[in-house]
C-alpha atoms as a PDB file:
ATOM      1  CA  UNK A   1      38.138 -15.518  28.566  1.00  0.00           C
ATOM      2  CA  UNK A   2      37.531 -15.324  24.822  1.00  0.00           C
ATOM      3  CA  UNK A   3      37.015 -11.890  23.379  1.00  0.00           C
ATOM      4  CA  UNK A   4      34.128 -11.443  20.967  1.00  0.00           C
ATOM      5  CA  UNK A   5      35.503  -9.981  17.754  1.00  0.00           C
ATOM      6  CA  UNK A   6      34.102  -6.643  16.684  1.00  0.00           C
ATOM      7  CA  UNK A   7      32.020  -6.667  13.540  1.00  0.00           C
ATOM      8  CA  UNK A   8      34.256  -5.499  10.730  1.00  0.00           C
ATOM      9  CA  UNK A   9      32.986  -2.493   8.789  1.00  0.00           C
ATOM     10  CA  UNK A  10      34.192  -2.606   5.233  1.00  0.00           C
ATOM     11  CA  UNK A  11      35.004   0.590   3.382  1.00  0.00           C
ATOM     12  CA  UNK A  12      32.028   0.127   1.044  1.00  0.00           C
ATOM     13  CA  UNK A  13      29.646  -0.181   4.015  1.00  0.00           C
ATOM     14  CA  UNK A  14      30.447   3.274   5.331  1.00  0.00           C
ATOM     15  CA  UNK A  15      27.991   4.952   2.952  1.00  0.00           C
ATOM     16  CA  UNK A  16      25.235   2.486   3.912  1.00  0.00           C
ATOM     17  CA  UNK A  17      25.727   3.417   7.568  1.00  0.00           C
ATOM     18  CA  UNK A  18      25.786   7.131   6.731  1.00  0.00           C
ATOM     19  CA  UNK A  19      22.647   6.769   4.601  1.00  0.00           C
ATOM     20  CA  UNK A  20      20.787   4.952   7.381  1.00  0.00           C
ATOM     21  CA  UNK A  21      21.597   7.736   9.837  1.00  0.00           C
ATOM     22  CA  UNK A  22      20.400  10.436   7.438  1.00  0.00           C
ATOM     23  CA  UNK A  23      17.138   8.681   6.477  1.00  0.00           C
ATOM     24  CA  UNK A  24      15.118   7.766   9.537  1.00  0.00           C
ATOM     25  CA  UNK A  25      11.767   7.054   7.881  1.00  0.00           C
ATOM     26  CA  UNK A  26      10.743   4.351   5.454  1.00  0.00           C
ATOM     27  CA  UNK A  27      10.959   5.886   2.007  1.00  0.00           C
ATOM     28  CA  UNK A  28       8.058   3.741   0.799  1.00  0.00           C
ATOM     29  CA  UNK A  29       5.383   4.006   3.516  1.00  0.00           C
ATOM     30  CA  UNK A  30       6.663   6.716   5.882  1.00  0.00           C
ATOM     31  CA  UNK A  31       6.984   4.384   8.881  1.00  0.00           C
ATOM     32  CA  UNK A  32      10.134   3.972  10.955  1.00  0.00           C
ATOM     33  CA  UNK A  33      13.017   2.972   8.677  1.00  0.00           C
ATOM     34  CA  UNK A  34      14.843   0.063  10.272  1.00  0.00           C
ATOM     35  CA  UNK A  35      16.733  -1.413   7.299  1.00  0.00           C
ATOM     36  CA  UNK A  36      18.637  -0.236   4.254  1.00  0.00           C
ATOM     37  CA  UNK A  37      17.654  -1.846   0.963  1.00  0.00           C
ATOM     38  CA  UNK A  38      19.858  -2.100  -2.123  1.00  0.00           C
ATOM     39  CA  UNK A  39      17.653  -1.497  -5.166  1.00  0.00           C
ATOM     40  CA  UNK A  40      20.039  -3.531  -7.301  1.00  0.00           C
ATOM     41  CA  UNK A  41      20.787  -6.386  -4.932  1.00  0.00           C
ATOM     42  CA  UNK A  42      24.356  -6.746  -3.750  1.00  0.00           C
ATOM     43  CA  UNK A  43      24.453 -10.317  -5.020  1.00  0.00           C
ATOM     44  CA  UNK A  44      23.708  -9.175  -8.553  1.00  0.00           C
ATOM     45  CA  UNK A  45      26.793  -7.006  -8.808  1.00  0.00           C
ATOM     46  CA  UNK A  46      29.205  -9.149  -6.777  1.00  0.00           C
ATOM     47  CA  UNK A  47      32.430  -7.424  -5.834  1.00  0.00           C
ATOM     48  CA  UNK A  48      31.236  -4.241  -7.533  1.00  0.00           C
ATOM     49  CA  UNK A  49      28.232  -3.820  -5.275  1.00  0.00           C
ATOM     50  CA  UNK A  50      26.712  -0.408  -5.442  1.00  0.00           C
ATOM     51  CA  UNK A  51      26.424   1.389  -2.100  1.00  0.00           C
ATOM     52  CA  UNK A  52      25.837   4.832  -3.600  1.00  0.00           C
ATOM     53  CA  UNK A  53      22.812   6.794  -2.355  1.00  0.00           C
ATOM     54  CA  UNK A  54      21.120   6.315  -5.734  1.00  0.00           C
ATOM     55  CA  UNK A  55      20.966   2.551  -5.081  1.00  0.00           C
ATOM     56  CA  UNK A  56      19.815   2.706  -1.438  1.00  0.00           C
ATOM     57  CA  UNK A  57      16.400   3.020   0.194  1.00  0.00           C
ATOM     58  CA  UNK A  58      15.693   3.233   3.925  1.00  0.00           C
ATOM     59  CA  UNK A  59      12.721   0.982   4.608  1.00  0.00           C
ATOM     60  CA  UNK A  60      10.767  -0.715   7.389  1.00  0.00           C
ATOM     61  CA  UNK A  61      10.776  -4.519   7.655  1.00  0.00           C
ATOM     62  CA  UNK A  62       7.440  -5.104   5.845  1.00  0.00           C
ATOM     63  CA  UNK A  63       8.541  -2.906   2.928  1.00  0.00           C
ATOM     64  CA  UNK A  64      11.916  -4.650   2.807  1.00  0.00           C
ATOM     65  CA  UNK A  65      10.077  -7.975   2.584  1.00  0.00           C
ATOM     66  CA  UNK A  66       8.015  -6.502  -0.266  1.00  0.00           C
ATOM     67  CA  UNK A  67      11.142  -5.515  -2.198  1.00  0.00           C
ATOM     68  CA  UNK A  68      12.539  -9.037  -1.832  1.00  0.00           C
ATOM     69  CA  UNK A  69       9.217 -10.752  -2.530  1.00  0.00           C
ATOM     70  CA  UNK A  70       7.925 -12.641  -5.531  1.00  0.00           C
ATOM     71  CA  UNK A  71       7.284  -9.462  -7.545  1.00  0.00           C
ATOM     72  CA  UNK A  72      10.836  -8.179  -7.236  1.00  0.00           C
ATOM     73  CA  UNK A  73      10.909  -6.778 -10.788  1.00  0.00           C
ATOM     74  CA  UNK A  74       7.816  -4.669 -10.094  1.00  0.00           C
ATOM     75  CA  UNK A  75       9.192  -3.723  -6.668  1.00  0.00           C
ATOM     76  CA  UNK A  76      12.520  -2.654  -8.204  1.00  0.00           C
ATOM     77  CA  UNK A  77      10.672  -0.409 -10.662  1.00  0.00           C
ATOM     78  CA  UNK A  78       8.754   1.120  -7.740  1.00  0.00           C
ATOM     79  CA  UNK A  79      12.022   1.678  -5.874  1.00  0.00           C
ATOM     80  CA  UNK A  80      13.472   3.563  -8.839  1.00  0.00           C
ATOM     81  CA  UNK A  81      10.306   5.708  -8.988  1.00  0.00           C
ATOM     82  CA  UNK A  82      10.694   6.504  -5.278  1.00  0.00           C
ATOM     83  CA  UNK A  83      14.294   7.592  -5.869  1.00  0.00           C
ATOM     84  CA  UNK A  84      13.189   9.773  -8.793  1.00  0.00           C
ATOM     85  CA  UNK A  85      10.579  11.381  -6.559  1.00  0.00           C
ATOM     86  CA  UNK A  86       7.602  10.268  -8.667  1.00  0.00           C
END
């Protein structure tokens, strides 16, 4: 019988997991937070991806879709305002 490999957790993912456990609600709409969004997308910073709290938002699926939608520049600015508490 073939064993299913465990999903590897990389060192830089540990803070994302910790953040998701500490933030249960969507930081945009107040709904149930089901996903963790990188304000500056991981693909933009390559190997130096930023998993610090200042770059993370806990969001629901519809809000995550919003942040990755066609108005991503506007959405990124909104995300930074959320982090600043404005």
